[in-house]
Amino acid sequence: MRIGIIGCGAIGTDVAVYADTMNEIEKIYLFDIDKKAEEKLVKKIHKGKCKYVKDFLDDVDVVFKAASQKAVNECAEIVLAAGKDLILMSVGSLFDDKFRGRLEDIAKKKHCKIYVPSGAVCGIDGILSACIDKIDEVTLVTTKSPKSLGKDFDRRTVVFRGSARDAVKEFPQNINVAASLSLAGVGFDETRVEIVADPVATRNSHKILAHGGFGRLRAEIENMPNPNNPKSSYMASLSAIATLKRITNPIQIGA
C-alpha cells in the first residue's frame, strides 16, 4: 500500500513515523503548505518523499488528511474524485451538510471510502450500534485547560453549551470529537456538547453520556495532550494509526 499524508504537524508526524514501520506500507508521500514542517518530517522516515498532492494522487491507495478544516474543503473532493480512499481527521468540516453530501456522492460514484477515526474519545462503537434502534439523547462533555482552548481563566468555567454543530463552528481546532460522535449517532443538531475550561486540568477529558432503547452508555477518557500540540490529544494520533492498521488488516474489529 502507498499512502499520501496531507499535513505534517503533530498528528501527521505520528502517523508517518508509525506507517514507516509497517510492512504493508511501501511508500509515504508528504505534503504541507509549511515546507519546513514537510522537510523536517521526511528526514525522520525512510519511505517518505515530499510531493504536491496532485503529483502523488495517481501513485497512492489512500490519503490521510491531518490538516485544517479549510484544507479539507480544498482537497477532499479532489482526492475522492481520483478514486482514492480518504482518512479524515478534521471531521468538523463535515458539519456542512451540503459539503458532506457532495463527498458521499463522489465516494459512491468512485467506489472509495471516507474513514473517520474515533479520535480522542471512546464509546463510538457503542453509539454506532445503539443508533440501529433509537437513541433518545447523546451528550458530550469535554474538559481542557484554558490554554488549549485559547482562553484565560483562573477558575473552572463552562465556555460553551449547545449543539455539536455550533460547537464545531466555534471551536474548529478543539472539538472534532463532537463531529465524530454526531456522525456515529443522532446528528449535529441533536448531539449536545458542553465544553469546560479548567485551569487545573492536566489532561484533555471527554465524557459521552447516552440513553435509548439499548439502555444507558457512559464512556469517559482522560487523554494526555499530544507533546507536540497541546490542543490535540495523543489518543487522536493513536486512533488515526489504528484506522490505518484496520485498512490493512483482514480481520475487522468493532461496530
C-alpha atoms as a PDB file:
ATOM      1  CA  MET A   1       0.000   0.000   0.000  1.00  0.00           C
ATOM      2  CA  ARG A   2       1.084   3.551  -0.726  1.00  0.00           C
ATOM      3  CA  ILE A   3      -0.157   6.459   1.375  1.00  0.00           C
ATOM      4  CA  GLY A   4      -0.248  10.204   0.948  1.00  0.00           C
ATOM      5  CA  ILE A   5      -0.226  12.401   4.053  1.00  0.00           C
ATOM      6  CA  ILE A   6      -1.540  15.957   3.894  1.00  0.00           C
ATOM      7  CA  GLY A   7      -0.437  17.923   6.945  1.00  0.00           C
ATOM      8  CA  CYS A   8       2.897  17.331   8.669  1.00  0.00           C
ATOM      9  CA  GLY A   9       2.006  18.632  12.114  1.00  0.00           C
ATOM     10  CA  ALA A  10       1.774  16.609  15.319  1.00  0.00           C
ATOM     11  CA  ILE A  11      -0.772  14.009  14.137  1.00  0.00           C
ATOM     12  CA  GLY A  12       0.615  13.752  10.609  1.00  0.00           C
ATOM     13  CA  THR A  13       4.068  13.171  12.075  1.00  0.00           C
ATOM     14  CA  ASP A  14       2.843  10.463  14.459  1.00  0.00           C
ATOM     15  CA  VAL A  15       1.082   8.644  11.613  1.00  0.00           C
ATOM     16  CA  ALA A  16       4.014   8.943   9.198  1.00  0.00           C
ATOM     17  CA  VAL A  17       6.549   7.674  11.722  1.00  0.00           C
ATOM     18  CA  TYR A  18       4.383   4.652  12.561  1.00  0.00           C
ATOM     19  CA  ALA A  19       3.472   3.950   8.936  1.00  0.00           C
ATOM     20  CA  ASP A  20       7.183   3.897   8.176  1.00  0.00           C
ATOM     21  CA  THR A  21       7.459   0.761  10.375  1.00  0.00           C
ATOM     22  CA  MET A  22       4.534  -1.083   8.736  1.00  0.00           C
ATOM     23  CA  ASN A  23       5.435  -3.839   6.286  1.00  0.00           C
ATOM     24  CA  GLU A  24       2.196  -3.166   4.404  1.00  0.00           C
ATOM     25  CA  ILE A  25       3.242   0.423   3.606  1.00  0.00           C
ATOM     26  CA  GLU A  26       5.549   0.716   0.607  1.00  0.00           C
ATOM     27  CA  LYS A  27       5.732   4.481   0.118  1.00  0.00           C
ATOM     28  CA  ILE A  28       4.734   7.579   2.076  1.00  0.00           C
ATOM     29  CA  TYR A  29       4.201  10.857   0.252  1.00  0.00           C
ATOM     30  CA  LEU A  30       4.166  14.043   2.326  1.00  0.00           C
ATOM     31  CA  PHE A  31       2.655  17.448   1.678  1.00  0.00           C
ATOM     32  CA  ASP A  32       2.309  20.534   3.863  1.00  0.00           C
ATOM     33  CA  ILE A  33       1.971  24.199   2.958  1.00  0.00           C
ATOM     34  CA  ASP A  34       4.685  24.713   5.582  1.00  0.00           C
ATOM     35  CA  LYS A  35       7.660  23.362   3.670  1.00  0.00           C
ATOM     36  CA  LYS A  36       9.871  23.407   6.777  1.00  0.00           C
ATOM     37  CA  ALA A  37       7.457  21.012   8.534  1.00  0.00           C
ATOM     38  CA  GLU A  38       7.408  18.821   5.429  1.00  0.00           C
ATOM     39  CA  GLU A  39      11.207  18.701   5.196  1.00  0.00           C
ATOM     40  CA  LYS A  40      11.586  18.071   8.930  1.00  0.00           C
ATOM     41  CA  LEU A  41       9.266  15.066   8.787  1.00  0.00           C
ATOM     42  CA  VAL A  42      10.723  13.478   5.658  1.00  0.00           C
ATOM     43  CA  LYS A  43      14.095  13.295   7.450  1.00  0.00           C
ATOM     44  CA  LYS A  44      12.527  11.183  10.219  1.00  0.00           C
ATOM     45  CA  ILE A  45      11.332   8.362   7.972  1.00  0.00           C
ATOM     46  CA  HIS A  46      12.828   6.027   5.376  1.00  0.00           C
ATOM     47  CA  LYS A  47       9.921   5.543   2.973  1.00  0.00           C
ATOM     48  CA  GLY A  48       8.997   9.211   2.663  1.00  0.00           C
ATOM     49  CA  LYS A  49       9.077  11.620  -0.242  1.00  0.00           C
ATOM     50  CA  CYS A  50       7.780  15.182  -0.498  1.00  0.00           C
ATOM     51  CA  LYS A  51       5.382  15.862  -3.353  1.00  0.00           C
ATOM     52  CA  TYR A  52       2.448  18.090  -4.177  1.00  0.00           C
ATOM     53  CA  VAL A  53      -0.933  16.394  -3.756  1.00  0.00           C
ATOM     54  CA  LYS A  54      -1.753  16.492  -7.465  1.00  0.00           C
ATOM     55  CA  ASP A  55       1.596  14.830  -8.202  1.00  0.00           C
ATOM     56  CA  PHE A  56       1.211  11.875  -5.818  1.00  0.00           C
ATOM     57  CA  LEU A  57      -2.508  11.102  -6.217  1.00  0.00           C
ATOM     58  CA  ASP A  58      -2.023   8.654  -9.080  1.00  0.00           C
ATOM     59  CA  ASP A  59       0.532   6.694  -7.057  1.00  0.00           C
ATOM     60  CA  VAL A  60      -1.332   6.191  -3.737  1.00  0.00           C
ATOM     61  CA  ASP A  61      -4.095   3.953  -2.442  1.00  0.00           C
ATOM     62  CA  VAL A  62      -5.223   6.098   0.474  1.00  0.00           C
ATOM     63  CA  VAL A  63      -4.786   9.708   1.570  1.00  0.00           C
ATOM     64  CA  PHE A  64      -4.555  10.702   5.218  1.00  0.00           C
ATOM     65  CA  LYS A  65      -5.617  14.282   5.918  1.00  0.00           C
ATOM     66  CA  ALA A  66      -4.329  15.744   9.170  1.00  0.00           C
ATOM     67  CA  ALA A  67      -4.646  19.334   8.007  1.00  0.00           C
ATOM     68  CA  SER A  68      -7.169  22.035   8.904  1.00  0.00           C
ATOM     69  CA  GLN A  69     -10.870  22.152   8.048  1.00  0.00           C
ATOM     70  CA  LYS A  70     -10.008  24.662   5.335  1.00  0.00           C
ATOM     71  CA  ALA A  71      -7.598  22.169   3.776  1.00  0.00           C
ATOM     72  CA  VAL A  72     -10.341  19.526   3.814  1.00  0.00           C
ATOM     73  CA  ASN A  73     -12.628  21.854   1.894  1.00  0.00           C
ATOM     74  CA  GLU A  74      -9.882  22.477  -0.647  1.00  0.00           C
ATOM     75  CA  CYS A  75      -8.638  18.918  -1.218  1.00  0.00           C
ATOM     76  CA  ALA A  76     -11.162  16.267  -0.140  1.00  0.00           C
ATOM     77  CA  GLU A  77     -13.215  16.338  -3.331  1.00  0.00           C
ATOM     78  CA  ILE A  78     -10.058  16.145  -5.456  1.00  0.00           C
ATOM     79  CA  VAL A  79      -8.819  13.088  -3.542  1.00  0.00           C
ATOM     80  CA  LEU A  80     -12.129  11.244  -3.819  1.00  0.00           C
ATOM     81  CA  ALA A  81     -12.606  12.206  -7.474  1.00  0.00           C
ATOM     82  CA  ALA A  82      -9.295  10.461  -8.135  1.00  0.00           C
ATOM     83  CA  GLY A  83     -10.843   7.301  -6.690  1.00  0.00           C
ATOM     84  CA  LYS A  84      -8.673   7.275  -3.562  1.00  0.00           C
ATOM     85  CA  ASP A  85      -9.789   6.341  -0.057  1.00  0.00           C
ATOM     86  CA  LEU A  86      -9.639   9.184   2.439  1.00  0.00           C
ATOM     87  CA  ILE A  87      -8.847   9.111   6.170  1.00  0.00           C
ATOM     88  CA  LEU A  88     -10.196  12.334   7.620  1.00  0.00           C
ATOM     89  CA  MET A  89      -9.039  13.829  10.929  1.00  0.00           C
ATOM     90  CA  SER A  90     -10.582  17.308  10.635  1.00  0.00           C
ATOM     91  CA  VAL A  91     -14.030  15.777  10.955  1.00  0.00           C
ATOM     92  CA  GLY A  92     -15.533  19.109  11.942  1.00  0.00           C
ATOM     93  CA  SER A  93     -15.530  20.049   8.258  1.00  0.00           C
ATOM     94  CA  LEU A  94     -18.378  17.561   7.773  1.00  0.00           C
ATOM     95  CA  PHE A  95     -20.844  19.659   9.802  1.00  0.00           C
ATOM     96  CA  ASP A  96     -21.664  21.338   6.474  1.00  0.00           C
ATOM     97  CA  ASP A  97     -24.436  19.034   5.222  1.00  0.00           C
ATOM     98  CA  LYS A  98     -24.099  20.062   1.572  1.00  0.00           C
ATOM     99  CA  PHE A  99     -20.330  19.573   1.587  1.00  0.00           C
ATOM    100  CA  ARG A 100     -20.644  16.190   3.303  1.00  0.00           C
ATOM    101  CA  GLY A 101     -23.305  15.175   0.792  1.00  0.00           C
ATOM    102  CA  ARG A 102     -21.007  16.028  -2.121  1.00  0.00           C
ATOM    103  CA  LEU A 103     -18.211  13.926  -0.632  1.00  0.00           C
ATOM    104  CA  GLU A 104     -20.573  10.990  -0.123  1.00  0.00           C
ATOM    105  CA  ASP A 105     -21.831  11.235  -3.706  1.00  0.00           C
ATOM    106  CA  ILE A 106     -18.301  11.306  -5.142  1.00  0.00           C
ATOM    107  CA  ALA A 107     -17.188   8.387  -2.935  1.00  0.00           C
ATOM    108  CA  LYS A 108     -20.143   6.275  -4.082  1.00  0.00           C
ATOM    109  CA  LYS A 109     -19.529   7.107  -7.726  1.00  0.00           C
ATOM    110  CA  LYS A 110     -15.808   6.339  -7.478  1.00  0.00           C
ATOM    111  CA  HIS A 111     -16.252   3.277  -5.214  1.00  0.00           C
ATOM    112  CA  CYS A 112     -13.963   4.615  -2.494  1.00  0.00           C
ATOM    113  CA  LYS A 113     -14.291   5.132   1.252  1.00  0.00           C
ATOM    114  CA  ILE A 114     -14.127   8.035   3.709  1.00  0.00           C
ATOM    115  CA  TYR A 115     -12.704   6.814   7.018  1.00  0.00           C
ATOM    116  CA  VAL A 116     -13.423   8.831  10.163  1.00  0.00           C
ATOM    117  CA  PRO A 117     -11.233   7.768  13.115  1.00  0.00           C
ATOM    118  CA  SER A 118     -12.924   7.847  16.520  1.00  0.00           C
ATOM    119  CA  GLY A 119     -10.303  10.357  17.590  1.00  0.00           C
ATOM    120  CA  ALA A 120      -9.781  11.262  21.227  1.00  0.00           C
ATOM    121  CA  VAL A 121     -12.981   9.642  22.552  1.00  0.00           C
ATOM    122  CA  CYS A 122     -14.038   6.123  23.473  1.00  0.00           C
ATOM    123  CA  GLY A 123     -17.530   4.699  23.072  1.00  0.00           C
ATOM    124  CA  ILE A 124     -18.079   5.485  19.383  1.00  0.00           C
ATOM    125  CA  ASP A 125     -18.587   1.781  18.632  1.00  0.00           C
ATOM    126  CA  GLY A 126     -21.371   1.647  21.234  1.00  0.00           C
ATOM    127  CA  ILE A 127     -23.100   4.689  19.747  1.00  0.00           C
ATOM    128  CA  LEU A 128     -22.872   3.186  16.246  1.00  0.00           C
ATOM    129  CA  SER A 129     -24.569   0.015  17.459  1.00  0.00           C
ATOM    130  CA  ALA A 130     -27.155   1.776  19.623  1.00  0.00           C
ATOM    131  CA  CYS A 131     -28.400   4.030  16.828  1.00  0.00           C
ATOM    132  CA  ILE A 132     -29.558   0.998  14.842  1.00  0.00           C
ATOM    133  CA  ASP A 133     -32.571   1.161  17.173  1.00  0.00           C
ATOM    134  CA  LYS A 134     -33.210   4.533  18.792  1.00  0.00           C
ATOM    135  CA  ILE A 135     -31.077   6.873  20.890  1.00  0.00           C
ATOM    136  CA  ASP A 136     -33.048   9.370  22.952  1.00  0.00           C
ATOM    137  CA  GLU A 137     -30.173  11.627  23.961  1.00  0.00           C
ATOM    138  CA  VAL A 138     -26.414  11.994  23.451  1.00  0.00           C
ATOM    139  CA  THR A 139     -24.240  14.462  25.354  1.00  0.00           C
ATOM    140  CA  LEU A 140     -20.514  15.114  25.125  1.00  0.00           C
ATOM    141  CA  VAL A 141     -18.725  16.894  27.970  1.00  0.00           C
ATOM    142  CA  THR A 142     -15.192  17.998  27.075  1.00  0.00           C
ATOM    143  CA  THR A 143     -12.781  19.460  29.622  1.00  0.00           C
ATOM    144  CA  LYS A 144      -9.471  21.030  28.650  1.00  0.00           C
ATOM    145  CA  SER A 145      -7.044  23.579  30.032  1.00  0.00           C
ATOM    146  CA  PRO A 146      -7.890  27.203  29.172  1.00  0.00           C
ATOM    147  CA  LYS A 147      -4.644  27.474  27.177  1.00  0.00           C
ATOM    148  CA  SER A 148      -5.549  24.617  24.853  1.00  0.00           C
ATOM    149  CA  LEU A 149      -8.898  26.321  24.204  1.00  0.00           C
ATOM    150  CA  GLY A 150      -7.293  29.697  23.587  1.00  0.00           C
ATOM    151  CA  LYS A 151      -8.814  31.082  26.795  1.00  0.00           C
ATOM    152  CA  ASP A 152      -7.501  32.589  30.026  1.00  0.00           C
ATOM    153  CA  PHE A 153      -9.452  31.626  33.161  1.00  0.00           C
ATOM    154  CA  ASP A 154      -8.335  31.213  36.764  1.00  0.00           C
ATOM    155  CA  ARG A 155     -11.306  29.024  37.685  1.00  0.00           C
ATOM    156  CA  ARG A 156     -13.321  26.203  36.130  1.00  0.00           C
ATOM    157  CA  THR A 157     -15.591  27.786  33.505  1.00  0.00           C
ATOM    158  CA  VAL A 158     -18.142  26.416  31.056  1.00  0.00           C
ATOM    159  CA  VAL A 159     -17.197  28.160  27.814  1.00  0.00           C
ATOM    160  CA  PHE A 160     -19.807  26.504  25.586  1.00  0.00           C
ATOM    161  CA  ARG A 161     -23.103  24.720  25.923  1.00  0.00           C
ATOM    162  CA  GLY A 162     -25.173  23.882  22.845  1.00  0.00           C
ATOM    163  CA  SER A 163     -25.370  21.693  19.744  1.00  0.00           C
ATOM    164  CA  ALA A 164     -22.443  19.851  18.212  1.00  0.00           C
ATOM    165  CA  ARG A 165     -22.932  21.867  15.026  1.00  0.00           C
ATOM    166  CA  ASP A 166     -22.379  25.148  16.864  1.00  0.00           C
ATOM    167  CA  ALA A 167     -19.535  23.699  18.932  1.00  0.00           C
ATOM    168  CA  VAL A 168     -17.630  22.701  15.796  1.00  0.00           C
ATOM    169  CA  LYS A 169     -18.167  26.161  14.309  1.00  0.00           C
ATOM    170  CA  GLU A 170     -16.947  27.955  17.440  1.00  0.00           C
ATOM    171  CA  PHE A 171     -14.070  25.621  18.330  1.00  0.00           C
ATOM    172  CA  PRO A 172     -12.910  24.140  14.987  1.00  0.00           C
ATOM    173  CA  GLN A 173      -9.496  23.067  16.316  1.00  0.00           C
ATOM    174  CA  ASN A 174     -10.647  21.592  19.615  1.00  0.00           C
ATOM    175  CA  ILE A 175     -13.854  19.639  19.225  1.00  0.00           C
ATOM    176  CA  ASN A 176     -13.544  17.287  16.249  1.00  0.00           C
ATOM    177  CA  VAL A 177     -14.677  14.568  18.654  1.00  0.00           C
ATOM    178  CA  ALA A 178     -18.144  16.164  18.631  1.00  0.00           C
ATOM    179  CA  ALA A 179     -18.286  15.746  14.861  1.00  0.00           C
ATOM    180  CA  SER A 180     -17.275  12.077  15.039  1.00  0.00           C
ATOM    181  CA  LEU A 181     -19.875  11.450  17.735  1.00  0.00           C
ATOM    182  CA  SER A 182     -22.575  13.254  15.729  1.00  0.00           C
ATOM    183  CA  LEU A 183     -21.902  11.240  12.586  1.00  0.00           C
ATOM    184  CA  ALA A 184     -21.975   7.993  14.553  1.00  0.00           C
ATOM    185  CA  GLY A 185     -25.194   8.812  16.380  1.00  0.00           C
ATOM    186  CA  VAL A 186     -28.044  11.308  16.285  1.00  0.00           C
ATOM    187  CA  GLY A 187     -26.542  14.062  14.128  1.00  0.00           C
ATOM    188  CA  PHE A 188     -25.027  17.503  14.593  1.00  0.00           C
ATOM    189  CA  ASP A 189     -28.155  19.280  15.777  1.00  0.00           C
ATOM    190  CA  GLU A 190     -29.368  16.694  18.293  1.00  0.00           C
ATOM    191  CA  THR A 191     -25.979  15.925  19.873  1.00  0.00           C
ATOM    192  CA  ARG A 192     -25.452  18.174  22.900  1.00  0.00           C
ATOM    193  CA  VAL A 193     -21.999  19.491  23.804  1.00  0.00           C
ATOM    194  CA  GLU A 194     -20.559  21.141  26.885  1.00  0.00           C
ATOM    195  CA  ILE A 195     -17.009  22.498  26.808  1.00  0.00           C
ATOM    196  CA  VAL A 196     -15.281  23.280  30.083  1.00  0.00           C
ATOM    197  CA  ALA A 197     -12.057  25.222  30.612  1.00  0.00           C
ATOM    198  CA  ASP A 198     -10.359  24.067  33.807  1.00  0.00           C
ATOM    199  CA  PRO A 199      -7.045  25.700  34.865  1.00  0.00           C
ATOM    200  CA  VAL A 200      -6.070  22.662  36.972  1.00  0.00           C
ATOM    201  CA  ALA A 201      -6.705  20.184  34.138  1.00  0.00           C
ATOM    202  CA  THR A 202      -3.516  18.427  33.059  1.00  0.00           C
ATOM    203  CA  ARG A 203      -5.308  16.104  30.634  1.00  0.00           C
ATOM    204  CA  ASN A 204      -7.970  16.534  27.974  1.00  0.00           C
ATOM    205  CA  SER A 205     -11.071  14.633  29.066  1.00  0.00           C
ATOM    206  CA  HIS A 206     -14.133  13.602  27.072  1.00  0.00           C
ATOM    207  CA  LYS A 207     -17.254  12.050  28.546  1.00  0.00           C
ATOM    208  CA  ILE A 208     -20.071  10.611  26.441  1.00  0.00           C
ATOM    209  CA  LEU A 209     -23.490  10.117  28.023  1.00  0.00           C
ATOM    210  CA  ALA A 210     -26.288   8.459  26.070  1.00  0.00           C
ATOM    211  CA  HIS A 211     -29.520   6.585  26.646  1.00  0.00           C
ATOM    212  CA  GLY A 212     -32.164   4.953  24.489  1.00  0.00           C
ATOM    213  CA  GLY A 213     -33.686   1.621  23.600  1.00  0.00           C
ATOM    214  CA  PHE A 214     -30.324  -0.125  24.117  1.00  0.00           C
ATOM    215  CA  GLY A 215     -30.013   1.065  27.734  1.00  0.00           C
ATOM    216  CA  ARG A 216     -27.525   3.626  29.060  1.00  0.00           C
ATOM    217  CA  LEU A 217     -23.981   4.381  27.974  1.00  0.00           C
ATOM    218  CA  ARG A 218     -21.306   6.289  29.852  1.00  0.00           C
ATOM    219  CA  ALA A 219     -17.816   6.397  28.353  1.00  0.00           C
ATOM    220  CA  GLU A 220     -15.067   8.614  29.730  1.00  0.00           C
ATOM    221  CA  ILE A 221     -11.426   9.080  28.868  1.00  0.00           C
ATOM    222  CA  GLU A 222      -8.673  11.323  30.203  1.00  0.00           C
ATOM    223  CA  ASN A 223      -6.124  11.940  27.459  1.00  0.00           C
ATOM    224  CA  MET A 224      -2.583  13.119  27.629  1.00  0.00           C
ATOM    225  CA  PRO A 225      -2.117  16.146  25.350  1.00  0.00           C
ATOM    226  CA  ASN A 226      -0.012  15.485  22.294  1.00  0.00           C
ATOM    227  CA  PRO A 227       3.512  16.584  23.322  1.00  0.00           C
ATOM    228  CA  ASN A 228       3.869  18.489  20.051  1.00  0.00           C
ATOM    229  CA  ASN A 229       0.446  20.169  20.136  1.00  0.00           C
ATOM    230  CA  PRO A 230      -1.465  20.640  23.441  1.00  0.00           C
ATOM    231  CA  LYS A 231      -4.657  21.431  21.506  1.00  0.00           C
ATOM    232  CA  SER A 232      -4.766  17.800  20.382  1.00  0.00           C
ATOM    233  CA  SER A 233      -4.937  14.625  22.464  1.00  0.00           C
ATOM    234  CA  TYR A 234      -2.332  11.938  21.890  1.00  0.00           C
ATOM    235  CA  MET A 235      -5.191   9.439  21.580  1.00  0.00           C
ATOM    236  CA  ALA A 236      -6.232  11.187  18.364  1.00  0.00           C
ATOM    237  CA  SER A 237      -2.926  10.167  16.790  1.00  0.00           C
ATOM    238  CA  LEU A 238      -3.284   6.609  18.074  1.00  0.00           C
ATOM    239  CA  SER A 239      -6.819   6.452  16.665  1.00  0.00           C
ATOM    240  CA  ALA A 240      -5.565   7.582  13.263  1.00  0.00           C
ATOM    241  CA  ILE A 241      -2.865   4.911  13.304  1.00  0.00           C
ATOM    242  CA  ALA A 242      -5.413   2.280  14.365  1.00  0.00           C
ATOM    243  CA  THR A 243      -7.598   3.262  11.405  1.00  0.00           C
ATOM    244  CA  LEU A 244      -4.672   2.860   9.027  1.00  0.00           C
ATOM    245  CA  LYS A 245      -3.903  -0.562  10.524  1.00  0.00           C
ATOM    246  CA  ARG A 246      -7.563  -1.543  10.208  1.00  0.00           C
ATOM    247  CA  ILE A 247      -7.500  -0.803   6.479  1.00  0.00           C
ATOM    248  CA  THR A 248      -4.582  -3.179   6.021  1.00  0.00           C
ATOM    249  CA  ASN A 249      -5.868  -5.866   8.407  1.00  0.00           C
ATOM    250  CA  PRO A 250      -8.004  -8.764   7.086  1.00  0.00           C
ATOM    251  CA  ILE A 251      -9.748  -9.032  10.477  1.00  0.00           C
ATOM    252  CA  GLN A 252     -12.094  -6.099  11.140  1.00  0.00           C
ATOM    253  CA  ILE A 253     -12.963  -5.421  14.794  1.00  0.00           C
ATOM    254  CA  GLY A 254     -15.716  -3.167  16.129  1.00  0.00           C
ATOM    255  CA  ALA A 255     -19.117  -1.962  15.027  1.00  0.00           C
END
